[in-house]
Amino acid sequence: MYFLDDEKHLRTACSQALELAGFEVDSFASADGVLDGISTSWPGVLVSDIRMAKTDGLALIAAALEIDPDLPVILIKGHGDVPMAVNAMRDGAYDFIEKPFSSDVLVDAVRRGLDKRNLVLENRHLREALTQGTRLENRLVGQSLGAIKLREKITQFAAVDADVLITGETGAGKEQVAQALHELSRRREDRFVPVNCGALPETTIESELFGYEKGAFTGADHIRIGKFEYADGGTVFLDEIESMTLDIKVRLLRVLEERKIVHLGSNTEIPFNVRVIASSKGDLREAVHAGNFRDDLYYRLNVLTTSKPPLRDRFDDLPLLVTHFINQEGIQFDWAVNDIPLPEMKSLMSYDWPGNIRELRNCVRRYVLGQEFDLRKFDNHEETAELNGQPLSIQLAALEKKILQETLEKHGGRLKLTYEELGVSRKTLYDKMKKYRLGNPGEESEGV
């Protein structure tokens, strides 16, 4: 941070107080050299007196804010300078303190200013990552290892014109994976047709999928083509395929094998050329073993498989996802949206998001529309003094480590109880324990 005041004793005393509080301080008696170190990536705060003998404090502040309008500038003012300070804050200054002031007041103002600066720079970094990302990276946002591997698999699968099975919890974003596969494939110029199998009534799903002839049933007063015929040349996405009835699964198996459909009320076979992508919110292998899903249909669909991990297994991606959704929702509603403050972001990181990406997006949408987060639903943690002024990524990592430590201690180091309570997979817990050096998970007890 930079501290600027032409009174030597005040400059020395304030610099010492700030250094004792843990801040790195460069002090100046005039404006010479101050602007040289300020840039849009400078991680500091500028503290400056308004009235100085050789320097116009207001002119310096204006020049600094011209370099970066989001730079936190803290004004030091005399008793009679209130109107001047108010005008400066209207022009973009962050805060002001009035002489005489205690060191605690100065330290608190600087700490808050640095927190704001860290948040601004972190969000700029996230937005830059989103802006510079590829089309696939902007559709499937994330920098975690799981997100990277998923994008690699999608790129491989898109080049092969074979059917794909996607598994993942409700709201995890399986349709986004399907759309990405379509957009990267040679079929991208043709239609992507999603079918929510769980939402279609049992009485209409057959006609929706395969179409019907005029007079096929009461009310069929015209010919209707089904989803497969409509998507000819493109991709059909069968979401929640496990919810189909047994009769439809039998007919679907035949359609997938022969790539031909027959309208209800007709005997004429109609060939079609589509890629089929199906999704399930559960493990279809387990459903087959339990007798709830046809094994022949499962093996027909199970050509290429991938899964979309739940949000609780990829918390490292949450800040990037929040920034992405804020940008999208702000554009949609044509509203300028403030970045989410650090305490709220840390609260979002401590929630397990049972509704996954869909729940997070709805939460961000409410924020964009001016509603506050219901922090009662989030397990908020207090910020430790040691982390004040640290980058957002460091503070979030410390919060995650703390949660893991507390949960492991609660269960006496027993991993099964720990990952069940946290709602993560065993592998995720192992990886995070290694990341934060919380013992050797391979030597820990799995007992309950």
Protein backbone atom coordinates (compact mmCIF):
# COMPACT_ATOMS: atom_id res chain seq x y z
CA MET A 1 0.00 0.00 0.00
CA TYR A 2 1.01 3.65 -0.45
CA PHE A 3 0.77 6.23 2.33
CA LEU A 4 1.12 9.88 1.34
CA ASP A 5 1.43 12.83 3.76
CA ASP A 6 3.83 15.76 3.86
CA GLU A 7 3.95 15.84 7.67
CA LYS A 8 6.97 13.71 8.55
CA HIS A 9 5.95 12.77 12.10
CA LEU A 10 2.45 11.71 10.98
CA ARG A 11 3.84 9.81 8.02
CA THR A 12 6.32 7.96 10.23
CA ALA A 13 3.80 7.15 12.97
CA CYS A 14 1.15 5.91 10.53
CA SER A 15 3.64 3.81 8.56
CA GLN A 16 4.84 2.13 11.74
CA ALA A 17 1.28 1.41 12.90
CA LEU A 18 0.40 -0.14 9.54
CA GLU A 19 3.58 -2.25 9.47
CA LEU A 20 2.89 -3.50 12.99
CA ALA A 21 -0.57 -4.54 11.73
CA GLY A 22 1.11 -6.68 9.08
CA PHE A 23 0.88 -4.41 6.03
CA GLU A 24 3.69 -3.56 3.62
CA VAL A 25 3.88 0.22 3.37
CA ASP A 26 5.62 2.59 0.96
CA SER A 27 5.42 6.15 2.30
CA PHE A 28 5.72 9.36 0.31
CA ALA A 29 6.08 13.02 1.21
CA SER A 30 4.79 14.16 -2.19
CA ALA A 31 3.14 12.76 -5.30
CA ASP A 32 6.47 12.09 -7.01
CA GLY A 33 6.62 8.42 -8.03
CA VAL A 34 3.23 7.49 -6.57
CA LEU A 35 1.39 7.04 -9.87
CA ASP A 36 4.27 5.05 -11.39
CA GLY A 37 3.46 2.03 -9.24
CA ILE A 38 -0.33 2.09 -9.66
CA SER A 39 -1.95 -0.09 -12.31
CA THR A 40 -5.10 -2.12 -12.84
CA SER A 41 -3.31 -5.14 -11.37
CA TRP A 42 -1.70 -3.34 -8.39
CA PRO A 43 -2.92 -5.14 -5.23
CA GLY A 44 -2.70 -2.14 -2.93
CA VAL A 45 -4.57 0.77 -1.38
CA LEU A 46 -3.70 4.45 -1.67
CA VAL A 47 -3.98 6.55 1.52
CA SER A 48 -3.44 10.26 0.95
CA ASP A 49 -3.88 13.56 2.74
CA ILE A 50 -6.05 16.04 0.86
CA ARG A 51 -4.13 19.22 1.76
CA MET A 52 -0.35 19.20 1.31
CA ALA A 53 2.09 21.99 0.62
CA LYS A 54 3.62 20.64 -2.59
CA THR A 55 0.93 18.23 -3.73
CA ASP A 56 -2.73 18.64 -4.67
CA GLY A 57 -4.23 15.58 -2.98
CA LEU A 58 -7.46 15.74 -4.95
CA ALA A 59 -5.59 15.92 -8.25
CA LEU A 60 -3.49 12.90 -7.26
CA ILE A 61 -6.60 10.95 -6.30
CA ALA A 62 -8.31 11.81 -9.59
CA ALA A 63 -5.24 10.69 -11.54
CA ALA A 64 -5.07 7.41 -9.60
CA LEU A 65 -8.76 6.68 -10.19
CA GLU A 66 -8.29 7.42 -13.88
CA ILE A 67 -5.75 4.58 -13.98
CA ASP A 68 -8.16 2.26 -12.15
CA PRO A 69 -11.64 3.46 -11.14
CA ASP A 70 -11.92 0.52 -8.70
CA LEU A 71 -8.77 1.42 -6.77
CA PRO A 72 -9.55 1.93 -3.06
CA VAL A 73 -8.43 5.45 -2.18
CA ILE A 74 -8.66 6.53 1.48
CA LEU A 75 -8.59 10.26 2.17
CA ILE A 76 -7.08 11.97 5.21
CA LYS A 77 -8.88 15.23 5.84
CA GLY A 78 -8.92 18.07 8.32
CA HIS A 79 -11.98 19.20 10.22
CA GLY A 80 -13.00 21.76 7.61
CA ASP A 81 -12.61 19.50 4.60
CA VAL A 82 -15.84 17.48 4.91
CA PRO A 83 -17.53 18.89 1.78
CA MET A 84 -14.34 18.33 -0.21
CA ALA A 85 -14.08 14.73 1.01
CA VAL A 86 -17.74 14.03 0.23
CA ASN A 87 -17.27 15.30 -3.32
CA ALA A 88 -14.16 13.15 -3.69
CA MET A 89 -16.10 10.06 -2.60
CA ARG A 90 -18.78 10.86 -5.13
CA ASP A 91 -16.01 10.87 -7.73
CA GLY A 92 -14.83 7.41 -6.66
CA ALA A 93 -12.82 7.63 -3.44
CA TYR A 94 -13.36 4.66 -1.13
CA ASP A 95 -13.36 6.21 2.36
CA PHE A 96 -12.04 9.08 4.46
CA ILE A 97 -10.71 9.49 7.97
CA GLU A 98 -10.59 12.76 9.86
CA LYS A 99 -7.63 14.18 11.76
CA PRO A 100 -6.81 13.48 14.51
CA PHE A 101 -7.36 9.73 14.23
CA SER A 102 -6.19 6.67 16.13
CA SER A 103 -4.06 3.97 14.56
CA ASP A 104 -6.95 1.51 14.96
CA VAL A 105 -9.17 3.66 12.74
CA LEU A 106 -6.46 3.82 10.07
CA VAL A 107 -5.73 0.08 10.22
CA ASP A 108 -9.42 -0.79 9.98
CA ALA A 109 -9.92 1.46 6.94
CA VAL A 110 -6.87 0.01 5.19
CA ARG A 111 -7.92 -3.56 5.97
CA ARG A 112 -11.38 -3.00 4.52
CA GLY A 113 -9.86 -1.32 1.48
CA LEU A 114 -7.50 -4.24 0.85
CA ASP A 115 -10.35 -6.71 1.22
CA LYS A 116 -12.23 -4.79 -1.45
CA ARG A 117 -9.15 -4.65 -3.67
CA ASN A 118 -8.54 -8.40 -3.38
CA LEU A 119 -12.15 -9.11 -4.29
CA VAL A 120 -11.99 -6.79 -7.32
CA LEU A 121 -8.77 -8.37 -8.61
CA GLU A 122 -10.07 -11.89 -8.01
CA ASN A 123 -13.25 -11.18 -9.95
CA ARG A 124 -11.24 -9.58 -12.76
CA HIS A 125 -9.15 -12.72 -12.92
CA LEU A 126 -12.27 -14.87 -13.08
CA ARG A 127 -13.85 -12.73 -15.78
CA GLU A 128 -10.64 -12.80 -17.78
CA ALA A 129 -10.61 -16.59 -17.56
CA LEU A 130 -14.20 -16.66 -18.81
CA THR A 131 -13.52 -14.17 -21.61
CA GLN A 132 -10.41 -15.93 -22.87
CA GLY A 133 -11.83 -19.43 -22.54
CA THR A 134 -12.78 -21.57 -25.50
CA ARG A 135 -16.39 -22.11 -26.44
CA LEU A 136 -16.36 -25.41 -24.55
CA GLU A 137 -14.77 -23.80 -21.48
CA ASN A 138 -17.48 -21.13 -21.48
CA ARG A 139 -20.24 -23.73 -21.69
CA LEU A 140 -18.75 -26.09 -19.08
CA VAL A 141 -17.17 -23.60 -16.70
CA GLY A 142 -14.53 -24.76 -14.27
CA GLN A 143 -10.80 -25.03 -13.63
CA SER A 144 -10.84 -28.03 -11.30
CA LEU A 145 -9.25 -31.30 -12.38
CA GLY A 146 -12.71 -32.86 -12.77
CA ALA A 147 -13.90 -30.06 -15.06
CA ILE A 148 -10.76 -30.27 -17.19
CA LYS A 149 -11.05 -34.05 -17.58
CA LEU A 150 -14.73 -33.76 -18.48
CA ARG A 151 -13.95 -31.26 -21.25
CA GLU A 152 -11.20 -33.53 -22.56
CA LYS A 153 -13.59 -36.48 -22.68
CA ILE A 154 -16.27 -34.41 -24.43
CA THR A 155 -13.76 -33.33 -27.06
CA GLN A 156 -12.86 -36.99 -27.68
CA PHE A 157 -16.49 -38.15 -27.77
CA ALA A 158 -17.61 -35.33 -30.07
CA ALA A 159 -15.31 -36.57 -32.81
CA VAL A 160 -16.90 -40.05 -32.72
CA ASP A 161 -20.42 -40.38 -34.06
CA ALA A 162 -21.59 -42.85 -31.42
CA ASP A 163 -24.33 -42.75 -28.79
CA VAL A 164 -23.39 -41.43 -25.34
CA LEU A 165 -24.72 -42.08 -21.84
CA ILE A 166 -24.33 -39.30 -19.25
CA THR A 167 -24.90 -39.86 -15.53
CA GLY A 168 -25.19 -37.25 -12.81
CA GLU A 169 -27.42 -35.91 -10.07
CA THR A 170 -30.45 -33.73 -10.76
CA GLY A 171 -29.37 -30.20 -11.58
CA ALA A 172 -25.71 -31.12 -12.14
CA GLY A 173 -25.79 -29.92 -15.77
CA LYS A 174 -26.15 -33.08 -17.85
CA GLU A 175 -27.95 -31.20 -20.63
CA GLN A 176 -25.01 -28.78 -20.85
CA VAL A 177 -22.74 -31.77 -21.48
CA ALA A 178 -25.11 -33.05 -24.17
CA GLN A 179 -25.27 -29.65 -25.86
CA ALA A 180 -21.48 -29.40 -25.80
CA LEU A 181 -21.19 -32.82 -27.46
CA HIS A 182 -23.60 -31.71 -30.16
CA GLU A 183 -21.92 -28.35 -30.77
CA LEU A 184 -18.50 -29.93 -31.19
CA SER A 185 -19.72 -32.73 -33.47
CA ARG A 186 -20.17 -32.79 -37.21
CA ARG A 187 -23.94 -32.61 -36.55
CA ARG A 188 -23.76 -29.10 -35.06
CA GLU A 189 -25.44 -27.50 -38.08
CA ASP A 190 -28.54 -29.64 -37.49
CA ARG A 191 -31.00 -29.70 -34.61
CA PHE A 192 -30.34 -30.52 -30.97
CA VAL A 193 -33.66 -31.87 -29.64
CA PRO A 194 -33.97 -32.39 -25.87
CA VAL A 195 -36.66 -34.71 -24.50
CA ASN A 196 -37.41 -34.68 -20.76
CA CYS A 197 -38.59 -38.25 -20.37
CA GLY A 198 -39.54 -37.70 -16.74
CA ALA A 199 -41.85 -34.77 -17.57
CA LEU A 200 -43.77 -36.35 -20.44
CA PRO A 201 -47.04 -38.06 -19.46
CA GLU A 202 -47.09 -41.81 -20.03
CA THR A 203 -50.02 -41.40 -22.43
CA THR A 204 -48.17 -39.02 -24.77
CA ILE A 205 -44.51 -40.01 -24.68
CA GLU A 206 -44.84 -42.55 -27.51
CA SER A 207 -46.45 -40.04 -29.87
CA GLU A 208 -43.92 -37.36 -28.84
CA LEU A 209 -41.00 -39.62 -29.64
CA PHE A 210 -42.27 -41.44 -32.73
CA GLY A 211 -45.08 -39.27 -34.15
CA TYR A 212 -48.55 -40.25 -35.35
CA GLU A 213 -50.83 -40.28 -38.38
CA LYS A 214 -54.06 -38.39 -38.78
CA GLY A 215 -56.87 -40.38 -37.18
CA ALA A 216 -54.50 -42.59 -35.13
CA PHE A 217 -56.51 -41.76 -32.01
CA THR A 218 -59.23 -39.40 -30.86
CA GLY A 219 -58.04 -35.85 -31.38
CA ALA A 220 -55.33 -36.75 -33.92
CA ASP A 221 -56.65 -34.45 -36.63
CA HIS A 222 -53.31 -34.00 -38.41
CA ILE A 223 -49.99 -35.80 -39.00
CA ARG A 224 -47.32 -35.12 -36.37
CA ILE A 225 -43.68 -36.05 -36.70
CA GLY A 226 -41.89 -37.23 -33.57
CA LYS A 227 -38.66 -36.06 -31.97
CA PHE A 228 -36.42 -38.56 -33.77
CA GLU A 229 -37.78 -37.62 -37.18
CA TYR A 230 -37.64 -33.91 -36.32
CA ALA A 231 -33.97 -34.20 -35.28
CA ASP A 232 -32.92 -36.03 -38.46
CA GLY A 233 -29.26 -35.27 -39.08
CA GLY A 234 -28.80 -33.88 -35.59
CA THR A 235 -28.91 -35.05 -31.98
CA VAL A 236 -31.69 -36.30 -29.67
CA PHE A 237 -31.08 -35.91 -25.95
CA LEU A 238 -33.16 -38.29 -23.81
CA ASP A 239 -33.02 -36.82 -20.31
CA GLU A 240 -33.88 -39.05 -17.32
CA ILE A 241 -34.28 -42.07 -19.55
CA GLU A 242 -34.73 -44.32 -16.51
CA SER A 243 -38.20 -42.81 -15.96
CA MET A 244 -39.60 -44.33 -19.17
CA THR A 245 -42.15 -47.12 -18.88
CA LEU A 246 -41.19 -50.68 -19.76
CA ASP A 247 -43.28 -50.66 -22.96
CA ILE A 248 -41.57 -47.51 -24.26
CA LYS A 249 -38.14 -48.92 -23.39
CA VAL A 250 -38.89 -52.02 -25.45
CA ARG A 251 -39.89 -49.95 -28.47
CA LEU A 252 -37.01 -47.51 -27.96
CA LEU A 253 -34.50 -50.40 -28.04
CA ARG A 254 -35.79 -51.47 -31.44
CA VAL A 255 -35.71 -47.89 -32.74
CA LEU A 256 -32.12 -47.40 -31.60
CA GLU A 257 -30.99 -50.65 -33.16
CA GLU A 258 -32.71 -50.16 -36.53
CA ARG A 259 -32.70 -46.34 -36.74
CA LYS A 260 -36.26 -46.46 -38.05
CA ILE A 261 -39.54 -45.27 -36.56
CA VAL A 262 -43.18 -46.03 -37.32
CA HIS A 263 -45.88 -43.44 -36.69
CA LEU A 264 -48.78 -44.43 -34.48
CA GLY A 265 -51.56 -45.45 -36.83
CA SER A 266 -49.15 -46.43 -39.62
CA ASN A 267 -47.17 -49.46 -40.76
CA THR A 268 -44.61 -47.54 -42.80
CA GLU A 269 -41.03 -47.49 -41.50
CA ILE A 270 -39.31 -44.12 -41.68
CA PRO A 271 -35.49 -44.13 -41.47
CA PHE A 272 -33.72 -41.40 -39.57
CA ASN A 273 -30.13 -40.40 -38.89
CA VAL A 274 -29.53 -39.01 -35.39
CA ARG A 275 -27.04 -39.31 -32.62
CA VAL A 276 -28.67 -40.32 -29.35
CA ILE A 277 -27.42 -38.94 -26.06
CA ALA A 278 -29.17 -40.25 -22.98
CA SER A 279 -28.85 -39.25 -19.36
CA SER A 280 -29.73 -40.77 -16.02
CA LYS A 281 -29.66 -39.31 -12.53
CA GLY A 282 -28.80 -42.74 -11.14
CA ASP A 283 -26.43 -45.58 -11.95
CA LEU A 284 -28.16 -47.62 -14.66
CA ARG A 285 -25.98 -50.65 -13.90
CA GLU A 286 -27.45 -50.75 -10.42
CA ALA A 287 -30.91 -50.26 -11.89
CA VAL A 288 -30.31 -53.26 -14.18
CA HIS A 289 -29.18 -55.41 -11.25
CA ALA A 290 -32.25 -54.31 -9.29
CA GLY A 291 -34.53 -55.23 -12.20
CA ASN A 292 -35.61 -51.62 -12.81
CA PHE A 293 -33.98 -51.15 -16.22
CA ARG A 294 -33.66 -53.42 -19.23
CA ASP A 295 -30.16 -54.82 -19.57
CA ASP A 296 -30.33 -54.91 -23.39
CA LEU A 297 -31.28 -51.23 -23.56
CA TYR A 298 -28.53 -50.36 -21.10
CA TYR A 299 -25.88 -52.13 -23.19
CA ARG A 300 -27.24 -50.45 -26.32
CA LEU A 301 -26.88 -47.02 -24.74
CA ASN A 302 -23.62 -47.76 -22.96
CA VAL A 303 -21.32 -47.15 -25.95
CA LEU A 304 -19.56 -44.06 -24.62
CA THR A 305 -20.16 -42.95 -21.05
CA THR A 306 -19.29 -39.96 -18.93
CA SER A 307 -20.58 -38.35 -15.75
CA LYS A 308 -21.16 -34.78 -14.57
CA PRO A 309 -19.90 -34.50 -10.98
CA PRO A 310 -22.07 -32.83 -8.34
CA LEU A 311 -21.18 -29.30 -7.30
CA ARG A 312 -20.11 -30.41 -3.82
CA ASP A 313 -17.27 -32.38 -5.46
CA ARG A 314 -15.95 -29.34 -7.32
CA PHE A 315 -16.06 -26.44 -4.87
CA ASP A 316 -12.87 -25.04 -6.44
CA ASP A 317 -15.04 -24.07 -9.42
CA LEU A 318 -17.68 -22.23 -7.42
CA PRO A 319 -16.20 -18.68 -7.58
CA LEU A 320 -15.77 -19.01 -11.34
CA LEU A 321 -19.32 -20.35 -11.73
CA VAL A 322 -20.76 -17.51 -9.62
CA THR A 323 -18.93 -14.93 -11.74
CA HIS A 324 -20.12 -16.64 -14.92
CA PHE A 325 -23.75 -16.63 -13.80
CA ILE A 326 -23.57 -13.02 -12.60
CA ASN A 327 -22.35 -12.00 -16.06
CA GLN A 328 -25.06 -14.00 -17.82
CA GLU A 329 -27.91 -12.85 -15.61
CA GLY A 330 -26.73 -9.24 -15.69
CA ILE A 331 -26.78 -9.31 -19.49
CA GLN A 332 -30.19 -11.01 -19.58
CA PHE A 333 -31.83 -8.48 -17.26
CA ASP A 334 -29.70 -5.55 -18.50
CA TRP A 335 -28.70 -4.66 -14.94
CA ALA A 336 -25.37 -3.60 -13.54
CA VAL A 337 -24.53 -6.12 -10.82
CA ASN A 338 -22.07 -5.74 -7.96
CA ASP A 339 -19.62 -8.53 -7.24
CA ILE A 340 -20.57 -10.82 -4.38
CA PRO A 341 -18.78 -9.69 -1.18
CA LEU A 342 -16.19 -12.04 0.31
CA PRO A 343 -18.21 -13.08 3.41
CA GLU A 344 -21.16 -14.09 1.22
CA MET A 345 -18.88 -15.95 -1.20
CA LYS A 346 -17.36 -17.89 1.70
CA SER A 347 -20.86 -18.75 2.89
CA LEU A 348 -21.72 -20.10 -0.56
CA MET A 349 -18.56 -22.23 -0.40
CA SER A 350 -19.66 -23.84 2.86
CA TYR A 351 -23.06 -25.02 1.51
CA ASP A 352 -23.37 -28.48 -0.01
CA TRP A 353 -25.73 -27.45 -2.88
CA PRO A 354 -28.07 -30.46 -3.10
CA GLY A 355 -29.67 -28.86 -6.17
CA ASN A 356 -26.25 -28.52 -7.81
CA ILE A 357 -25.67 -26.05 -10.67
CA ARG A 358 -29.39 -25.34 -11.08
CA GLU A 359 -29.73 -24.29 -7.45
CA LEU A 360 -26.60 -22.13 -7.63
CA ARG A 361 -27.81 -20.36 -10.76
CA ASN A 362 -31.20 -19.63 -9.21
CA CYS A 363 -29.42 -18.29 -6.12
CA VAL A 364 -27.30 -15.97 -8.27
CA ARG A 365 -30.37 -14.89 -10.23
CA ARG A 366 -32.09 -13.81 -7.02
CA TYR A 367 -28.97 -11.84 -6.10
CA VAL A 368 -28.90 -10.15 -9.52
CA LEU A 369 -32.56 -9.19 -9.08
CA GLY A 370 -31.72 -7.43 -5.84
CA GLN A 371 -32.63 -10.07 -3.27
CA GLU A 372 -30.24 -10.87 -0.46
CA PHE A 373 -28.87 -14.34 0.10
CA ASP A 374 -30.68 -16.28 2.79
CA LEU A 375 -27.50 -16.82 4.80
CA ARG A 376 -29.36 -18.99 7.30
CA LYS A 377 -29.20 -21.82 4.80
CA PHE A 378 -25.46 -21.45 4.43
CA ASP A 379 -23.04 -22.63 7.08
CA ASN A 380 -21.06 -19.39 7.43
CA HIS A 381 -17.64 -19.32 9.06
CA GLU A 382 -15.90 -16.32 10.61
CA GLU A 383 -12.87 -14.91 8.89
CA THR A 384 -9.65 -15.41 10.81
CA ALA A 385 -7.41 -12.41 11.43
CA GLU A 386 -4.44 -14.15 9.80
CA LEU A 387 -6.26 -14.33 6.45
CA ASN A 388 -7.30 -10.69 6.23
CA GLY A 389 -5.95 -9.16 3.05
CA GLN A 390 -5.12 -12.53 1.49
CA PRO A 391 -6.37 -13.45 -2.03
CA LEU A 392 -9.82 -15.02 -2.22
CA SER A 393 -8.43 -18.39 -3.34
CA ILE A 394 -6.22 -18.62 -0.23
CA GLN A 395 -9.06 -17.72 2.11
CA LEU A 396 -11.42 -20.24 0.51
CA ALA A 397 -8.79 -22.98 0.67
CA ALA A 398 -8.27 -22.22 4.38
CA LEU A 399 -12.01 -22.44 4.95
CA GLU A 400 -12.22 -25.81 3.18
CA LYS A 401 -9.27 -27.14 5.17
CA LYS A 402 -10.89 -26.01 8.42
CA ILE A 403 -14.14 -27.81 7.56
CA LEU A 404 -12.27 -31.02 6.76
CA GLN A 405 -10.23 -30.83 9.97
CA GLU A 406 -13.28 -30.24 12.15
CA THR A 407 -15.26 -33.06 10.54
CA LEU A 408 -12.36 -35.52 10.78
CA GLU A 409 -11.86 -34.63 14.46
CA LYS A 410 -15.58 -34.99 15.10
CA HIS A 411 -15.48 -38.58 13.82
CA GLY A 412 -12.12 -39.48 15.32
CA GLY A 413 -10.43 -39.71 11.92
CA ARG A 414 -12.91 -42.28 10.57
CA LEU A 415 -13.13 -41.54 6.87
CA LYS A 416 -16.43 -43.21 6.02
CA LEU A 417 -18.37 -41.10 8.52
CA THR A 418 -16.46 -38.02 7.38
CA TYR A 419 -17.15 -38.27 3.65
CA GLU A 420 -20.75 -39.30 4.28
CA GLU A 421 -21.38 -36.22 6.43
CA LEU A 422 -19.66 -33.91 3.96
CA GLY A 423 -21.55 -35.48 1.07
CA VAL A 424 -18.44 -36.16 -1.03
CA SER A 425 -17.02 -39.31 -2.54
CA ARG A 426 -14.27 -41.26 -0.82
CA LYS A 427 -11.83 -40.31 -3.58
CA THR A 428 -12.67 -36.62 -3.20
CA LEU A 429 -11.98 -36.80 0.53
CA TYR A 430 -8.69 -38.64 -0.09
CA ASP A 431 -7.58 -36.05 -2.65
CA LYS A 432 -8.39 -33.11 -0.39
CA MET A 433 -6.67 -34.71 2.61
CA LYS A 434 -3.54 -35.08 0.52
CA LYS A 435 -3.89 -31.52 -0.78
CA TYR A 436 -4.04 -30.08 2.75
CA ARG A 437 -1.67 -32.66 4.28
CA LEU A 438 -4.25 -33.90 6.76
CA GLY A 439 -2.49 -37.18 7.41
CA ASN A 440 -2.13 -40.09 5.02
CA PRO A 441 -5.64 -41.20 4.02
CA GLY A 442 -4.33 -44.54 2.88
CA GLU A 443 -3.40 -45.31 6.51
CA GLU A 444 -6.60 -43.96 8.07
CA SER A 445 -9.38 -46.13 9.36
CA GLU A 446 -12.41 -46.62 7.15
CA GLY A 447 -14.42 -47.92 10.14
CA VAL A 448 -17.70 -46.45 11.26
